[in-house]
Amino acid sequence: MNSNMQDLLEEIIVMLHSVYDPEIPVNIFDLGLIYDVDIDEGNNVRIEMTLTSPNCPAVDFILSDVQMKVESVEGVNEVTIDLVFDPPWERSMMSEEALLELGFL
């Protein structure tokens, strides 16, 4: 990955840290809901992510927030979000910060 793509990836990750599930006071990146961020040569971004539950009532809010915030990053063209449930999310995917914030450490 060239330095421009690396810089773009870092900016996208910063934005993903600003997306929260309204029911959980931790951002979706630290929750481990982001499985992959891929940037192609045309600066089109594909995000593979999951939710803590397939029945998450905030799915529309979270997906639109991800879409809006990643699209706002300068240089990003198109954003595609692939919502997957394999592998299923589990608590071990959370960052140490998220575990601490939620009182699991």
N, C-alpha and C. Protein backbone atom coordinates (compact mmCIF):
# COMPACT_ATOMS: atom_id res chain seq x y z
N MET A 1 0.86 -1.18 0.00
CA MET A 1 0.00 0.00 0.00
C MET A 1 0.90 1.23 0.00
N ASN A 2 0.64 2.14 -0.94
CA ASN A 2 1.47 3.35 -0.99
C ASN A 2 1.11 4.31 0.14
N SER A 3 1.93 5.32 0.33
CA SER A 3 1.75 6.22 1.48
C SER A 3 0.45 7.02 1.39
N ASN A 4 0.01 7.37 0.17
CA ASN A 4 -1.27 8.09 0.04
C ASN A 4 -2.43 7.21 0.50
N MET A 5 -2.41 5.94 0.10
CA MET A 5 -3.47 5.02 0.52
C MET A 5 -3.40 4.78 2.02
N GLN A 6 -2.18 4.69 2.55
CA GLN A 6 -2.01 4.49 4.00
C GLN A 6 -2.56 5.69 4.76
N ASP A 7 -2.28 6.90 4.27
CA ASP A 7 -2.82 8.11 4.91
C ASP A 7 -4.34 8.12 4.85
N LEU A 8 -4.89 7.74 3.69
CA LEU A 8 -6.34 7.69 3.53
C LEU A 8 -6.94 6.66 4.49
N LEU A 9 -6.32 5.50 4.60
CA LEU A 9 -6.79 4.47 5.51
C LEU A 9 -6.79 4.98 6.95
N GLU A 10 -5.75 5.67 7.33
CA GLU A 10 -5.68 6.21 8.70
C GLU A 10 -6.79 7.22 8.96
N GLU A 11 -7.10 8.06 7.96
CA GLU A 11 -8.19 9.03 8.12
C GLU A 11 -9.54 8.32 8.23
N ILE A 12 -9.72 7.26 7.44
CA ILE A 12 -10.96 6.49 7.51
C ILE A 12 -11.11 5.86 8.89
N ILE A 13 -10.03 5.32 9.41
CA ILE A 13 -10.09 4.69 10.74
C ILE A 13 -10.42 5.72 11.82
N VAL A 14 -9.88 6.93 11.69
CA VAL A 14 -10.23 7.99 12.63
C VAL A 14 -11.74 8.24 12.59
N MET A 15 -12.31 8.28 11.38
CA MET A 15 -13.75 8.51 11.26
C MET A 15 -14.55 7.34 11.83
N LEU A 16 -14.08 6.12 11.62
CA LEU A 16 -14.79 4.96 12.17
C LEU A 16 -14.78 4.97 13.69
N HIS A 17 -13.77 5.57 14.28
CA HIS A 17 -13.73 5.72 15.74
C HIS A 17 -14.80 6.70 16.25
N SER A 18 -15.42 7.45 15.33
CA SER A 18 -16.45 8.41 15.75
C SER A 18 -17.87 7.86 15.56
N VAL A 19 -17.98 6.59 15.15
CA VAL A 19 -19.29 5.96 14.96
C VAL A 19 -19.59 5.08 16.17
N TYR A 20 -20.75 5.30 16.75
CA TYR A 20 -21.15 4.56 17.95
C TYR A 20 -22.47 3.85 17.73
N ASP A 21 -22.58 2.68 18.32
CA ASP A 21 -23.88 2.02 18.45
C ASP A 21 -24.58 2.82 19.54
N PRO A 22 -25.78 3.35 19.28
CA PRO A 22 -26.44 4.20 20.29
C PRO A 22 -26.73 3.48 21.61
N GLU A 23 -26.67 2.15 21.62
CA GLU A 23 -26.95 1.41 22.85
C GLU A 23 -25.69 1.06 23.63
N ILE A 24 -24.51 1.29 23.02
CA ILE A 24 -23.24 0.91 23.66
C ILE A 24 -22.30 2.12 23.62
N PRO A 25 -21.75 2.54 24.74
CA PRO A 25 -20.92 3.76 24.77
C PRO A 25 -19.48 3.55 24.31
N VAL A 26 -19.29 2.72 23.27
CA VAL A 26 -17.96 2.45 22.72
C VAL A 26 -18.08 2.52 21.20
N ASN A 27 -17.06 3.07 20.54
CA ASN A 27 -17.13 3.17 19.08
C ASN A 27 -17.06 1.80 18.42
N ILE A 28 -17.56 1.72 17.18
CA ILE A 28 -17.67 0.44 16.49
C ILE A 28 -16.30 -0.16 16.14
N PHE A 29 -15.29 0.68 15.99
CA PHE A 29 -13.96 0.15 15.69
C PHE A 29 -13.39 -0.59 16.89
N ASP A 30 -13.47 0.03 18.07
CA ASP A 30 -12.97 -0.63 19.28
C ASP A 30 -13.84 -1.80 19.71
N LEU A 31 -15.11 -1.80 19.31
CA LEU A 31 -15.96 -2.95 19.59
C LEU A 31 -15.57 -4.16 18.74
N GLY A 32 -14.79 -3.92 17.69
CA GLY A 32 -14.38 -5.02 16.82
C GLY A 32 -15.38 -5.33 15.72
N LEU A 33 -16.23 -4.35 15.41
CA LEU A 33 -17.25 -4.56 14.39
C LEU A 33 -16.73 -4.36 12.97
N ILE A 34 -15.56 -3.75 12.83
CA ILE A 34 -14.97 -3.54 11.50
C ILE A 34 -14.01 -4.69 11.22
N TYR A 35 -14.34 -5.49 10.23
CA TYR A 35 -13.49 -6.64 9.87
C TYR A 35 -12.43 -6.27 8.85
N ASP A 36 -12.76 -5.37 7.90
CA ASP A 36 -11.80 -5.04 6.85
C ASP A 36 -12.15 -3.70 6.23
N VAL A 37 -11.11 -2.93 5.88
CA VAL A 37 -11.27 -1.71 5.11
C VAL A 37 -10.33 -1.85 3.92
N ASP A 38 -10.90 -1.83 2.72
CA ASP A 38 -10.11 -2.00 1.50
C ASP A 38 -10.28 -0.77 0.62
N ILE A 39 -9.17 -0.26 0.13
CA ILE A 39 -9.19 0.92 -0.75
C ILE A 39 -8.59 0.49 -2.08
N ASP A 40 -9.33 0.72 -3.18
CA ASP A 40 -8.78 0.36 -4.48
C ASP A 40 -8.04 1.55 -5.10
N GLU A 41 -7.51 1.36 -6.29
CA GLU A 41 -6.70 2.39 -6.95
C GLU A 41 -7.49 3.68 -7.24
N GLY A 42 -8.81 3.57 -7.33
CA GLY A 42 -9.65 4.74 -7.58
C GLY A 42 -10.16 5.39 -6.31
N ASN A 43 -9.59 5.02 -5.17
CA ASN A 43 -10.01 5.52 -3.85
C ASN A 43 -11.45 5.18 -3.51
N ASN A 44 -11.92 4.07 -4.06
CA ASN A 44 -13.21 3.53 -3.66
C ASN A 44 -12.96 2.64 -2.45
N VAL A 45 -13.81 2.76 -1.46
CA VAL A 45 -13.61 2.08 -0.18
C VAL A 45 -14.67 1.01 0.01
N ARG A 46 -14.22 -0.17 0.38
CA ARG A 46 -15.12 -1.26 0.74
C ARG A 46 -14.86 -1.60 2.20
N ILE A 47 -15.92 -1.56 2.99
CA ILE A 47 -15.82 -1.87 4.41
C ILE A 47 -16.62 -3.14 4.68
N GLU A 48 -15.95 -4.10 5.29
CA GLU A 48 -16.63 -5.31 5.74
C GLU A 48 -16.80 -5.18 7.24
N MET A 49 -18.03 -5.28 7.68
CA MET A 49 -18.30 -5.09 9.10
C MET A 49 -19.44 -5.99 9.55
N THR A 50 -19.61 -6.04 10.85
CA THR A 50 -20.68 -6.81 11.44
C THR A 50 -21.38 -5.97 12.51
N LEU A 51 -22.28 -6.58 13.21
CA LEU A 51 -22.96 -5.95 14.35
C LEU A 51 -22.85 -6.90 15.53
N THR A 52 -23.11 -6.40 16.71
CA THR A 52 -23.02 -7.27 17.88
C THR A 52 -24.09 -8.36 17.85
N SER A 53 -25.17 -8.10 17.10
CA SER A 53 -26.25 -9.06 16.96
C SER A 53 -26.91 -8.88 15.60
N PRO A 54 -27.30 -9.96 14.93
CA PRO A 54 -28.01 -9.82 13.66
C PRO A 54 -29.34 -9.08 13.81
N ASN A 55 -29.86 -9.04 15.03
CA ASN A 55 -31.14 -8.36 15.28
C ASN A 55 -30.96 -6.97 15.86
N CYS A 56 -29.79 -6.37 15.66
CA CYS A 56 -29.51 -5.04 16.21
C CYS A 56 -30.55 -4.03 15.72
N PRO A 57 -31.25 -3.38 16.65
CA PRO A 57 -32.28 -2.43 16.24
C PRO A 57 -31.71 -1.13 15.65
N ALA A 58 -30.41 -0.90 15.83
CA ALA A 58 -29.81 0.34 15.34
C ALA A 58 -29.07 0.15 14.01
N VAL A 59 -29.32 -0.95 13.32
CA VAL A 59 -28.58 -1.27 12.10
C VAL A 59 -28.61 -0.13 11.09
N ASP A 60 -29.77 0.43 10.81
CA ASP A 60 -29.88 1.50 9.81
C ASP A 60 -29.09 2.73 10.23
N PHE A 61 -29.20 3.09 11.50
CA PHE A 61 -28.48 4.26 12.01
C PHE A 61 -26.97 4.05 11.89
N ILE A 62 -26.48 2.90 12.30
CA ILE A 62 -25.04 2.63 12.29
C ILE A 62 -24.51 2.62 10.86
N LEU A 63 -25.19 1.91 9.97
CA LEU A 63 -24.72 1.83 8.58
C LEU A 63 -24.72 3.20 7.90
N SER A 64 -25.75 3.99 8.13
CA SER A 64 -25.79 5.31 7.49
C SER A 64 -24.72 6.23 8.09
N ASP A 65 -24.44 6.09 9.38
CA ASP A 65 -23.40 6.90 10.02
C ASP A 65 -22.02 6.52 9.46
N VAL A 66 -21.76 5.23 9.29
CA VAL A 66 -20.50 4.77 8.69
C VAL A 66 -20.38 5.35 7.28
N GLN A 67 -21.43 5.19 6.49
CA GLN A 67 -21.43 5.66 5.10
C GLN A 67 -21.13 7.17 5.04
N MET A 68 -21.87 7.95 5.82
CA MET A 68 -21.74 9.40 5.80
C MET A 68 -20.34 9.84 6.25
N LYS A 69 -19.84 9.25 7.31
CA LYS A 69 -18.56 9.70 7.85
C LYS A 69 -17.39 9.28 6.97
N VAL A 70 -17.43 8.10 6.40
CA VAL A 70 -16.33 7.67 5.53
C VAL A 70 -16.37 8.46 4.22
N GLU A 71 -17.57 8.74 3.69
CA GLU A 71 -17.68 9.56 2.49
C GLU A 71 -17.16 10.97 2.71
N SER A 72 -17.18 11.44 3.95
CA SER A 72 -16.73 12.80 4.24
C SER A 72 -15.21 12.95 4.24
N VAL A 73 -14.48 11.82 4.21
CA VAL A 73 -13.02 11.87 4.20
C VAL A 73 -12.57 12.36 2.82
N GLU A 74 -11.76 13.39 2.80
CA GLU A 74 -11.28 13.96 1.54
C GLU A 74 -10.49 12.91 0.77
N GLY A 75 -10.85 12.76 -0.49
CA GLY A 75 -10.17 11.80 -1.35
C GLY A 75 -10.94 10.51 -1.56
N VAL A 76 -11.91 10.22 -0.70
CA VAL A 76 -12.71 9.01 -0.85
C VAL A 76 -13.75 9.24 -1.94
N ASN A 77 -13.84 8.29 -2.87
CA ASN A 77 -14.84 8.38 -3.93
C ASN A 77 -16.12 7.68 -3.51
N GLU A 78 -16.19 6.40 -3.69
CA GLU A 78 -17.39 5.64 -3.40
C GLU A 78 -17.16 4.75 -2.19
N VAL A 79 -18.20 4.57 -1.38
CA VAL A 79 -18.11 3.72 -0.19
C VAL A 79 -19.14 2.60 -0.31
N THR A 80 -18.67 1.37 -0.15
CA THR A 80 -19.54 0.20 -0.15
C THR A 80 -19.37 -0.49 1.20
N ILE A 81 -20.49 -0.80 1.83
CA ILE A 81 -20.45 -1.48 3.13
C ILE A 81 -21.04 -2.87 2.95
N ASP A 82 -20.24 -3.87 3.28
CA ASP A 82 -20.71 -5.25 3.28
C ASP A 82 -20.96 -5.65 4.73
N LEU A 83 -22.23 -5.87 5.05
CA LEU A 83 -22.60 -6.30 6.40
C LEU A 83 -22.60 -7.82 6.42
N VAL A 84 -21.74 -8.39 7.26
CA VAL A 84 -21.59 -9.85 7.32
C VAL A 84 -21.79 -10.34 8.76
N PHE A 85 -22.11 -11.59 8.89
CA PHE A 85 -22.27 -12.17 10.22
C PHE A 85 -21.45 -13.45 10.38
N ASP A 86 -20.47 -13.60 9.49
CA ASP A 86 -19.56 -14.72 9.56
C ASP A 86 -18.15 -14.20 9.38
N PRO A 87 -17.30 -14.24 10.37
CA PRO A 87 -17.56 -14.89 11.66
C PRO A 87 -18.46 -14.03 12.54
N PRO A 88 -19.23 -14.68 13.38
CA PRO A 88 -20.08 -13.91 14.29
C PRO A 88 -19.25 -13.12 15.28
N TRP A 89 -19.75 -11.94 15.62
CA TRP A 89 -19.05 -11.09 16.58
C TRP A 89 -19.09 -11.75 17.95
N GLU A 90 -18.00 -11.59 18.66
CA GLU A 90 -17.94 -12.04 20.06
C GLU A 90 -17.09 -11.05 20.86
N ARG A 91 -17.25 -11.09 22.14
CA ARG A 91 -16.59 -10.13 23.03
C ARG A 91 -15.07 -10.11 22.88
N SER A 92 -14.47 -11.21 22.50
CA SER A 92 -13.00 -11.26 22.35
C SER A 92 -12.49 -10.37 21.22
N MET A 93 -13.38 -9.87 20.36
CA MET A 93 -12.99 -9.00 19.25
C MET A 93 -12.82 -7.54 19.69
N MET A 94 -13.23 -7.24 20.90
CA MET A 94 -13.15 -5.88 21.41
C MET A 94 -11.72 -5.51 21.77
N SER A 95 -11.40 -4.23 21.60
CA SER A 95 -10.08 -3.74 22.00
C SER A 95 -10.01 -3.71 23.53
N GLU A 96 -8.80 -3.59 24.03
CA GLU A 96 -8.62 -3.49 25.48
C GLU A 96 -9.33 -2.24 26.02
N GLU A 97 -9.29 -1.16 25.25
CA GLU A 97 -9.97 0.09 25.67
C GLU A 97 -11.47 -0.14 25.81
N ALA A 98 -12.05 -0.87 24.85
CA ALA A 98 -13.49 -1.14 24.91
C ALA A 98 -13.83 -2.02 26.10
N LEU A 99 -13.02 -3.04 26.32
CA LEU A 99 -13.26 -3.92 27.47
C LEU A 99 -13.19 -3.15 28.78
N LEU A 100 -12.23 -2.25 28.88
CA LEU A 100 -12.08 -1.43 30.08
C LEU A 100 -13.27 -0.49 30.24
N GLU A 101 -13.66 0.17 29.14
CA GLU A 101 -14.80 1.11 29.17
C GLU A 101 -16.08 0.43 29.62
N LEU A 102 -16.26 -0.82 29.21
CA LEU A 102 -17.48 -1.54 29.53
C LEU A 102 -17.40 -2.35 30.82
N GLY A 103 -16.26 -2.24 31.50
CA GLY A 103 -16.09 -2.89 32.79
C GLY A 103 -15.80 -4.37 32.72
N PHE A 104 -15.27 -4.84 31.59
CA PHE A 104 -14.94 -6.26 31.45
C PHE A 104 -13.51 -6.56 31.88
N LEU A 105 -12.71 -5.55 32.20
CA LEU A 105 -11.34 -5.77 32.67
C LEU A 105 -11.19 -5.30 34.09
